[in-house]
Amino acid sequence: MDRTTIMLPVALKLKALEYARKKKVSLGELIRSSLATLLRSSSLSPKRDPLFSDTSVYRGSAPMDSSQNHDRYLYGEKE
């Protein structure tokens, strides 16, 4: 391993230390595992990302006001 020094806001460090104590790991291990998880999840290619791999995407035309009136289009008019 390579030693690295980082600067953390005091409040963040205190929260991290508390979390590490609860999990019974060192602060270093918490930071390493958190960073590894973040990098693993952010390395999804668009082909593997669930948002982009959705095959049920609507391909037809859509009303220009669909963002404002989505409830009306999804659930119909209120009576």
C-alpha atoms as a PDB file:
ATOM      1  CA  MET A   1       0.000   0.000   0.000  1.00  0.00           C
ATOM      2  CA  ASP A   2       0.963   3.585  -0.547  1.00  0.00           C
ATOM      3  CA  ARG A   3       0.516   6.115   2.285  1.00  0.00           C
ATOM      4  CA  THR A   4      -1.689   9.077   1.356  1.00  0.00           C
ATOM      5  CA  THR A   5      -2.662  12.128   3.372  1.00  0.00           C
ATOM      6  CA  ILE A   6      -6.090  13.656   2.832  1.00  0.00           C
ATOM      7  CA  MET A   7      -7.825  16.702   4.293  1.00  0.00           C
ATOM      8  CA  LEU A   8     -11.324  16.129   5.690  1.00  0.00           C
ATOM      9  CA  PRO A   9     -13.785  18.583   7.165  1.00  0.00           C
ATOM     10  CA  VAL A  10     -13.976  17.979  10.932  1.00  0.00           C
ATOM     11  CA  ALA A  11     -17.664  17.024  10.858  1.00  0.00           C
ATOM     12  CA  LEU A  12     -17.080  14.470   8.075  1.00  0.00           C
ATOM     13  CA  LYS A  13     -14.140  12.917   9.902  1.00  0.00           C
ATOM     14  CA  LEU A  14     -16.153  12.602  13.116  1.00  0.00           C
ATOM     15  CA  LYS A  15     -19.041  10.933  11.285  1.00  0.00           C
ATOM     16  CA  ALA A  16     -16.619   8.596   9.518  1.00  0.00           C
ATOM     17  CA  LEU A  17     -14.881   7.674  12.778  1.00  0.00           C
ATOM     18  CA  GLU A  18     -18.226   6.956  14.433  1.00  0.00           C
ATOM     19  CA  TYR A  19     -19.311   4.810  11.498  1.00  0.00           C
ATOM     20  CA  ALA A  20     -16.007   2.933  11.460  1.00  0.00           C
ATOM     21  CA  ARG A  21     -16.305   2.211  15.196  1.00  0.00           C
ATOM     22  CA  LYS A  22     -19.825   0.834  14.693  1.00  0.00           C
ATOM     23  CA  LYS A  23     -18.566  -1.404  11.887  1.00  0.00           C
ATOM     24  CA  LYS A  24     -15.463  -2.337  13.898  1.00  0.00           C
ATOM     25  CA  VAL A  25     -13.041  -1.288  11.165  1.00  0.00           C
ATOM     26  CA  SER A  26     -10.319   1.319  11.047  1.00  0.00           C
ATOM     27  CA  LEU A  27     -10.878   4.703   9.466  1.00  0.00           C
ATOM     28  CA  GLY A  28      -8.391   3.720   6.753  1.00  0.00           C
ATOM     29  CA  GLU A  29     -10.308   0.526   5.952  1.00  0.00           C
ATOM     30  CA  LEU A  30     -13.585   2.452   5.814  1.00  0.00           C
ATOM     31  CA  ILE A  31     -12.101   4.976   3.389  1.00  0.00           C
ATOM     32  CA  ARG A  32     -10.489   2.261   1.223  1.00  0.00           C
ATOM     33  CA  SER A  33     -13.663   0.161   0.989  1.00  0.00           C
ATOM     34  CA  SER A  34     -15.863   3.217   0.376  1.00  0.00           C
ATOM     35  CA  LEU A  35     -13.583   4.455  -2.380  1.00  0.00           C
ATOM     36  CA  ALA A  36     -13.421   0.991  -3.977  1.00  0.00           C
ATOM     37  CA  THR A  37     -17.231   0.730  -3.913  1.00  0.00           C
ATOM     38  CA  LEU A  38     -17.640   4.186  -5.425  1.00  0.00           C
ATOM     39  CA  LEU A  39     -15.159   3.497  -8.213  1.00  0.00           C
ATOM     40  CA  ARG A  40     -16.676   0.097  -8.968  1.00  0.00           C
ATOM     41  CA  SER A  41     -20.210   1.483  -9.229  1.00  0.00           C
ATOM     42  CA  SER A  42     -19.214   4.524 -11.273  1.00  0.00           C
ATOM     43  CA  SER A  43     -17.373   2.418 -13.834  1.00  0.00           C
ATOM     44  CA  LEU A  44     -20.562   1.014 -15.332  1.00  0.00           C
ATOM     45  CA  SER A  45     -20.514   1.336 -19.069  1.00  0.00           C
ATOM     46  CA  PRO A  46     -23.701   2.663 -20.667  1.00  0.00           C
ATOM     47  CA  LYS A  47     -24.391  -0.856 -21.934  1.00  0.00           C
ATOM     48  CA  ARG A  48     -24.387  -2.224 -18.344  1.00  0.00           C
ATOM     49  CA  ASP A  49     -26.080   0.780 -16.727  1.00  0.00           C
ATOM     50  CA  PRO A  50     -29.734  -0.083 -15.975  1.00  0.00           C
ATOM     51  CA  LEU A  51     -30.867   3.377 -17.081  1.00  0.00           C
ATOM     52  CA  PHE A  52     -29.403   2.938 -20.540  1.00  0.00           C
ATOM     53  CA  SER A  53     -30.071  -0.776 -20.951  1.00  0.00           C
ATOM     54  CA  ASP A  54     -33.844  -0.420 -20.504  1.00  0.00           C
ATOM     55  CA  THR A  55     -35.524  -2.059 -23.488  1.00  0.00           C
ATOM     56  CA  SER A  56     -38.973  -0.701 -22.641  1.00  0.00           C
ATOM     57  CA  VAL A  57     -38.229   2.866 -23.667  1.00  0.00           C
ATOM     58  CA  TYR A  58     -41.123   4.731 -25.240  1.00  0.00           C
ATOM     59  CA  ARG A  59     -40.188   5.634 -28.792  1.00  0.00           C
ATOM     60  CA  GLY A  60     -43.339   7.448 -29.959  1.00  0.00           C
ATOM     61  CA  SER A  61     -44.124  11.136 -29.947  1.00  0.00           C
ATOM     62  CA  ALA A  62     -44.870  12.819 -26.635  1.00  0.00           C
ATOM     63  CA  PRO A  63     -46.841  15.951 -25.733  1.00  0.00           C
ATOM     64  CA  MET A  64     -44.719  19.057 -25.204  1.00  0.00           C
ATOM     65  CA  ASP A  65     -46.216  19.573 -21.712  1.00  0.00           C
ATOM     66  CA  SER A  66     -45.653  16.011 -20.469  1.00  0.00           C
ATOM     67  CA  SER A  67     -43.307  17.110 -17.676  1.00  0.00           C
ATOM     68  CA  GLN A  68     -45.914  19.511 -16.290  1.00  0.00           C
ATOM     69  CA  ASN A  69     -48.960  17.291 -16.793  1.00  0.00           C
ATOM     70  CA  HIS A  70     -47.480  13.815 -16.337  1.00  0.00           C
ATOM     71  CA  ASP A  71     -50.127  12.788 -13.765  1.00  0.00           C
ATOM     72  CA  ARG A  72     -52.891  13.582 -16.252  1.00  0.00           C
ATOM     73  CA  TYR A  73     -51.161  11.535 -18.964  1.00  0.00           C
ATOM     74  CA  LEU A  74     -50.328   8.635 -16.650  1.00  0.00           C
ATOM     75  CA  TYR A  75     -53.499   8.430 -14.568  1.00  0.00           C
ATOM     76  CA  GLY A  76     -56.140  10.298 -16.552  1.00  0.00           C
ATOM     77  CA  GLU A  77     -58.237  13.321 -15.676  1.00  0.00           C
ATOM     78  CA  LYS A  78     -59.401  13.776 -12.090  1.00  0.00           C
ATOM     79  CA  GLU A  79     -63.150  13.610 -11.756  1.00  0.00           C
END
